């Protein structure tokens, strides 16, 4: 059984770090999963839960888009239901969005 663990850093176009959790332990990772979603083992689902951002949670689907496996399609669906008034981002505009919704990651 394999388990994928994800940590990430978000920067703006000027290189300013907006969010960084790359130094946390694997046990505290916000992205975890490893469920094979398709019969031929080409699509995987990962869960995302971030208590620091008001319990934001969702599902990430990843799959390779080419036979050389150099491009990985990433789709994030935010499934956060309720933001309560005790959340530090309760009325934030814009609300933090640490993960992209739909991108292609290219192996470098």
N, C-alpha and C. Protein backbone atom coordinates (compact mmCIF):
# COMPACT_ATOMS: atom_id res chain seq x y z
N UNK A 1 0.85 -1.18 0.00
CA UNK A 1 0.00 0.00 0.00
C UNK A 1 0.89 1.24 0.00
N UNK A 2 0.60 2.17 -0.88
CA UNK A 2 1.32 3.43 -0.95
C UNK A 2 0.41 4.55 -0.43
N UNK A 3 1.04 5.53 0.19
CA UNK A 3 0.32 6.71 0.64
C UNK A 3 1.10 7.93 0.15
N UNK A 4 0.40 8.86 -0.45
CA UNK A 4 1.01 10.11 -0.90
C UNK A 4 0.79 11.18 0.16
N UNK A 5 1.83 11.95 0.43
CA UNK A 5 1.75 13.05 1.38
C UNK A 5 2.21 14.30 0.66
N UNK A 6 1.44 15.37 0.77
CA UNK A 6 1.80 16.60 0.07
C UNK A 6 1.98 17.79 1.01
N UNK A 7 3.04 18.53 0.73
CA UNK A 7 3.29 19.80 1.41
C UNK A 7 3.52 20.81 0.30
N UNK A 8 3.29 22.09 0.57
CA UNK A 8 3.38 23.04 -0.53
C UNK A 8 3.73 24.43 -0.06
N UNK A 9 4.21 25.20 -1.02
CA UNK A 9 4.51 26.62 -0.80
C UNK A 9 3.83 27.38 -1.93
N UNK A 10 3.13 28.45 -1.57
CA UNK A 10 2.43 29.28 -2.54
C UNK A 10 3.14 30.63 -2.60
N UNK A 11 3.50 31.06 -3.81
CA UNK A 11 4.12 32.38 -3.99
C UNK A 11 3.31 33.17 -5.00
N UNK A 12 3.43 34.50 -4.94
CA UNK A 12 2.79 35.32 -5.96
C UNK A 12 3.78 35.53 -7.10
N UNK A 13 3.39 36.29 -8.10
CA UNK A 13 4.24 36.48 -9.28
C UNK A 13 5.54 37.23 -8.96
N UNK A 14 5.58 37.91 -7.82
CA UNK A 14 6.79 38.61 -7.40
C UNK A 14 7.71 37.74 -6.54
N UNK A 15 7.30 36.50 -6.31
CA UNK A 15 8.10 35.59 -5.50
C UNK A 15 7.83 35.69 -4.00
N UNK A 16 6.89 36.55 -3.61
CA UNK A 16 6.55 36.68 -2.20
C UNK A 16 5.82 35.41 -1.75
N UNK A 17 6.24 34.85 -0.62
CA UNK A 17 5.62 33.63 -0.10
C UNK A 17 4.30 34.00 0.57
N UNK A 18 3.22 33.40 0.07
CA UNK A 18 1.89 33.65 0.61
C UNK A 18 1.50 32.57 1.63
N UNK A 19 2.02 31.37 1.43
CA UNK A 19 1.70 30.24 2.31
C UNK A 19 2.80 29.22 2.15
N UNK A 20 3.25 28.63 3.28
CA UNK A 20 4.32 27.64 3.21
C UNK A 20 4.16 26.65 4.36
N UNK A 21 3.93 25.40 4.03
CA UNK A 21 3.87 24.37 5.08
C UNK A 21 4.86 23.24 4.81
N UNK A 22 5.91 23.54 4.06
CA UNK A 22 6.88 22.52 3.69
C UNK A 22 7.73 22.04 4.86
N UNK A 23 7.75 22.77 5.96
CA UNK A 23 8.58 22.37 7.09
C UNK A 23 7.82 21.55 8.15
N UNK A 24 6.53 21.34 7.96
CA UNK A 24 5.77 20.56 8.96
C UNK A 24 6.11 19.08 8.81
N UNK A 25 5.82 18.31 9.85
CA UNK A 25 6.09 16.87 9.80
C UNK A 25 5.10 16.18 8.87
N UNK A 26 5.47 14.99 8.41
CA UNK A 26 4.57 14.22 7.55
C UNK A 26 3.26 13.92 8.26
N UNK A 27 3.32 13.74 9.58
CA UNK A 27 2.10 13.45 10.35
C UNK A 27 1.13 14.62 10.36
N UNK A 28 1.63 15.84 10.12
CA UNK A 28 0.79 17.03 10.12
C UNK A 28 0.49 17.55 8.72
N UNK A 29 0.83 16.78 7.69
CA UNK A 29 0.61 17.21 6.31
C UNK A 29 -0.87 17.47 6.05
N UNK A 30 -1.14 18.45 5.20
CA UNK A 30 -2.52 18.84 4.88
C UNK A 30 -3.11 18.02 3.73
N UNK A 31 -2.23 17.40 2.93
CA UNK A 31 -2.67 16.59 1.79
C UNK A 31 -2.21 15.17 2.04
N UNK A 32 -3.15 14.24 1.99
CA UNK A 32 -2.81 12.84 2.19
C UNK A 32 -3.79 11.98 1.42
N UNK A 33 -3.29 10.88 0.94
CA UNK A 33 -4.18 9.98 0.22
C UNK A 33 -3.40 8.90 -0.48
N UNK A 34 -4.05 8.31 -1.40
CA UNK A 34 -3.42 7.24 -2.14
C UNK A 34 -4.44 6.33 -2.77
N UNK A 35 -5.69 6.72 -2.76
CA UNK A 35 -6.73 5.88 -3.34
C UNK A 35 -6.65 5.91 -4.85
N UNK A 36 -6.57 4.73 -5.44
CA UNK A 36 -6.59 4.64 -6.90
C UNK A 36 -8.05 4.74 -7.31
N UNK A 37 -8.33 5.70 -8.18
CA UNK A 37 -9.71 6.01 -8.53
C UNK A 37 -10.17 5.36 -9.83
N UNK A 38 -9.22 4.83 -10.61
CA UNK A 38 -9.61 4.24 -11.88
C UNK A 38 -9.08 2.80 -11.95
N UNK A 39 -9.77 1.93 -12.69
CA UNK A 39 -9.37 0.52 -12.75
C UNK A 39 -7.96 0.30 -13.30
N UNK A 40 -7.49 1.16 -14.18
CA UNK A 40 -6.16 0.96 -14.77
C UNK A 40 -5.08 1.78 -14.05
N UNK A 41 -5.34 2.20 -12.81
CA UNK A 41 -4.37 2.88 -11.94
C UNK A 41 -3.79 4.15 -12.55
N UNK A 42 -4.63 4.96 -13.17
CA UNK A 42 -4.13 6.20 -13.76
C UNK A 42 -4.64 7.45 -13.06
N UNK A 43 -5.65 7.33 -12.22
CA UNK A 43 -6.18 8.48 -11.49
C UNK A 43 -6.12 8.19 -10.00
N UNK A 44 -5.74 9.22 -9.24
CA UNK A 44 -5.59 9.07 -7.81
C UNK A 44 -6.35 10.19 -7.11
N UNK A 45 -6.90 9.88 -5.95
CA UNK A 45 -7.58 10.91 -5.17
C UNK A 45 -6.81 11.15 -3.88
N UNK A 46 -6.76 12.41 -3.50
CA UNK A 46 -6.09 12.83 -2.28
C UNK A 46 -7.05 13.69 -1.48
N UNK A 47 -6.97 13.62 -0.18
CA UNK A 47 -7.79 14.47 0.66
C UNK A 47 -7.00 15.66 1.16
N UNK A 48 -7.68 16.78 1.35
CA UNK A 48 -7.05 17.98 1.86
C UNK A 48 -7.88 18.48 3.03
N UNK A 49 -7.22 18.65 4.18
CA UNK A 49 -7.87 19.23 5.37
C UNK A 49 -6.88 20.20 6.00
N UNK A 50 -7.34 21.43 6.23
CA UNK A 50 -6.47 22.44 6.82
C UNK A 50 -7.20 23.15 7.94
N UNK A 51 -6.92 22.71 9.16
CA UNK A 51 -7.55 23.31 10.34
C UNK A 51 -7.15 24.77 10.51
N UNK A 52 -5.97 25.15 10.04
CA UNK A 52 -5.49 26.53 10.18
C UNK A 52 -6.27 27.51 9.30
N UNK A 53 -6.92 26.99 8.29
CA UNK A 53 -7.75 27.84 7.43
C UNK A 53 -9.21 27.42 7.61
N UNK A 54 -9.64 27.51 8.86
CA UNK A 54 -11.05 27.32 9.22
C UNK A 54 -11.60 25.94 8.86
N UNK A 55 -10.74 24.93 8.87
CA UNK A 55 -11.20 23.59 8.54
C UNK A 55 -11.44 23.39 7.06
N UNK A 56 -10.83 24.22 6.21
CA UNK A 56 -11.00 24.06 4.76
C UNK A 56 -10.67 22.61 4.40
N UNK A 57 -11.47 22.04 3.53
CA UNK A 57 -11.23 20.66 3.12
C UNK A 57 -11.73 20.44 1.70
N UNK A 58 -11.21 19.40 1.09
CA UNK A 58 -11.64 19.11 -0.26
C UNK A 58 -10.99 17.85 -0.80
N UNK A 59 -11.20 17.64 -2.07
CA UNK A 59 -10.71 16.46 -2.78
C UNK A 59 -9.82 16.90 -3.93
N UNK A 60 -8.69 16.23 -4.06
CA UNK A 60 -7.76 16.49 -5.15
C UNK A 60 -7.70 15.25 -6.03
N UNK A 61 -7.89 15.43 -7.32
CA UNK A 61 -7.74 14.33 -8.28
C UNK A 61 -6.49 14.63 -9.11
N UNK A 62 -5.61 13.64 -9.24
CA UNK A 62 -4.41 13.81 -10.06
C UNK A 62 -4.31 12.66 -11.04
N UNK A 63 -3.79 12.97 -12.23
CA UNK A 63 -3.53 11.94 -13.23
C UNK A 63 -2.58 12.49 -14.28
N UNK A 64 -1.78 11.59 -14.87
CA UNK A 64 -0.87 11.99 -15.92
C UNK A 64 -1.64 12.23 -17.21
N UNK A 65 -1.20 13.24 -17.95
CA UNK A 65 -1.90 13.59 -19.20
C UNK A 65 -1.16 13.09 -20.43
N UNK A 66 0.06 12.56 -20.24
CA UNK A 66 0.84 12.10 -21.39
C UNK A 66 1.52 10.77 -21.07
N UNK A 67 1.89 10.03 -22.11
CA UNK A 67 2.47 8.70 -21.93
C UNK A 67 3.86 8.73 -21.31
N UNK A 68 4.56 9.85 -21.42
CA UNK A 68 5.90 9.95 -20.82
C UNK A 68 5.83 10.31 -19.34
N UNK A 69 4.64 10.57 -18.85
CA UNK A 69 4.39 10.91 -17.44
C UNK A 69 5.22 12.11 -16.98
N UNK A 70 5.24 13.13 -17.82
CA UNK A 70 5.92 14.37 -17.45
C UNK A 70 4.93 15.48 -17.10
N UNK A 71 3.65 15.25 -17.41
CA UNK A 71 2.62 16.26 -17.10
C UNK A 71 1.53 15.62 -16.26
N UNK A 72 1.26 16.28 -15.13
CA UNK A 72 0.29 15.77 -14.18
C UNK A 72 -0.85 16.78 -14.05
N UNK A 73 -2.05 16.34 -14.32
CA UNK A 73 -3.22 17.19 -14.17
C UNK A 73 -3.67 17.17 -12.71
N UNK A 74 -3.97 18.34 -12.17
CA UNK A 74 -4.37 18.51 -10.78
C UNK A 74 -5.70 19.23 -10.77
N UNK A 75 -6.69 18.66 -10.10
CA UNK A 75 -7.99 19.32 -9.94
C UNK A 75 -8.38 19.27 -8.47
N UNK A 76 -8.65 20.44 -7.91
CA UNK A 76 -9.04 20.54 -6.51
C UNK A 76 -10.48 21.01 -6.42
N UNK A 77 -11.27 20.26 -5.66
CA UNK A 77 -12.66 20.64 -5.39
C UNK A 77 -12.78 20.98 -3.91
N UNK A 78 -13.07 22.24 -3.62
CA UNK A 78 -13.25 22.71 -2.24
C UNK A 78 -14.60 22.21 -1.75
N UNK A 79 -14.60 21.49 -0.64
CA UNK A 79 -15.84 20.95 -0.08
C UNK A 79 -16.15 21.54 1.29
N UNK A 80 -15.54 22.68 1.60
CA UNK A 80 -15.77 23.32 2.88
C UNK A 80 -17.23 23.78 2.95
N UNK A 81 -17.92 23.34 4.00
CA UNK A 81 -19.34 23.64 4.12
C UNK A 81 -19.64 24.91 4.89
N UNK A 82 -19.06 25.05 6.07
CA UNK A 82 -19.43 26.13 6.96
C UNK A 82 -18.17 26.83 7.48
N UNK A 83 -18.19 28.15 7.46
CA UNK A 83 -17.15 28.96 8.08
C UNK A 83 -17.82 29.69 9.23
N UNK A 84 -17.37 29.41 10.45
CA UNK A 84 -18.00 30.01 11.63
C UNK A 84 -17.29 31.31 12.03
N UNK A 85 -17.94 32.08 12.87
CA UNK A 85 -17.42 33.40 13.25
C UNK A 85 -16.13 33.33 14.07
N UNK A 86 -15.77 32.17 14.62
CA UNK A 86 -14.51 32.06 15.36
C UNK A 86 -13.32 31.83 14.43
N UNK A 87 -13.57 31.71 13.16
CA UNK A 87 -12.50 31.55 12.17
C UNK A 87 -11.82 32.91 11.94
N UNK A 88 -10.48 32.95 11.96
CA UNK A 88 -9.80 34.23 11.75
C UNK A 88 -10.05 34.82 10.35
N UNK A 89 -10.53 34.01 9.43
CA UNK A 89 -10.80 34.48 8.06
C UNK A 89 -12.30 34.60 7.80
N UNK A 90 -13.10 34.68 8.85
CA UNK A 90 -14.56 34.66 8.73
C UNK A 90 -15.09 35.65 7.69
N UNK A 91 -14.67 36.88 7.73
CA UNK A 91 -15.13 37.88 6.76
C UNK A 91 -14.02 38.34 5.83
N UNK A 92 -12.98 37.53 5.70
CA UNK A 92 -11.85 37.91 4.85
C UNK A 92 -12.27 38.00 3.39
N UNK A 93 -11.81 39.04 2.75
CA UNK A 93 -12.08 39.22 1.32
C UNK A 93 -10.79 39.67 0.65
N UNK A 94 -10.13 38.79 -0.06
CA UNK A 94 -10.56 37.44 -0.42
C UNK A 94 -10.23 36.43 0.68
N UNK A 95 -10.96 35.35 0.69
CA UNK A 95 -10.71 34.23 1.59
C UNK A 95 -9.46 33.50 1.08
N UNK A 96 -8.58 33.03 1.97
CA UNK A 96 -7.36 32.36 1.50
C UNK A 96 -7.67 31.16 0.62
N UNK A 97 -6.94 31.03 -0.47
CA UNK A 97 -7.06 29.89 -1.37
C UNK A 97 -5.67 29.33 -1.59
N UNK A 98 -5.18 28.48 -0.68
CA UNK A 98 -3.81 27.99 -0.78
C UNK A 98 -3.57 27.01 -1.92
N UNK A 99 -4.61 26.37 -2.42
CA UNK A 99 -4.44 25.38 -3.48
C UNK A 99 -5.07 25.85 -4.78
N UNK A 100 -4.41 25.58 -5.90
CA UNK A 100 -5.01 25.92 -7.19
C UNK A 100 -6.17 24.98 -7.50
N UNK A 101 -7.12 25.46 -8.28
CA UNK A 101 -8.29 24.65 -8.62
C UNK A 101 -8.01 23.65 -9.74
N UNK A 102 -7.28 24.09 -10.77
CA UNK A 102 -7.05 23.24 -11.93
C UNK A 102 -5.75 23.67 -12.61
N UNK A 103 -4.72 22.83 -12.53
CA UNK A 103 -3.43 23.17 -13.14
C UNK A 103 -2.78 21.92 -13.74
N UNK A 104 -1.79 22.14 -14.56
CA UNK A 104 -0.94 21.07 -15.07
C UNK A 104 0.44 21.26 -14.46
N UNK A 105 0.94 20.23 -13.78
CA UNK A 105 2.28 20.26 -13.23
C UNK A 105 3.21 19.56 -14.21
N UNK A 106 4.33 20.20 -14.54
CA UNK A 106 5.28 19.65 -15.51
C UNK A 106 6.57 19.28 -14.82
N UNK A 107 7.02 18.04 -15.03
CA UNK A 107 8.26 17.57 -14.44
C UNK A 107 9.42 18.38 -14.98
N UNK A 108 10.28 18.83 -14.10
CA UNK A 108 11.41 19.68 -14.49
C UNK A 108 12.69 18.87 -14.53
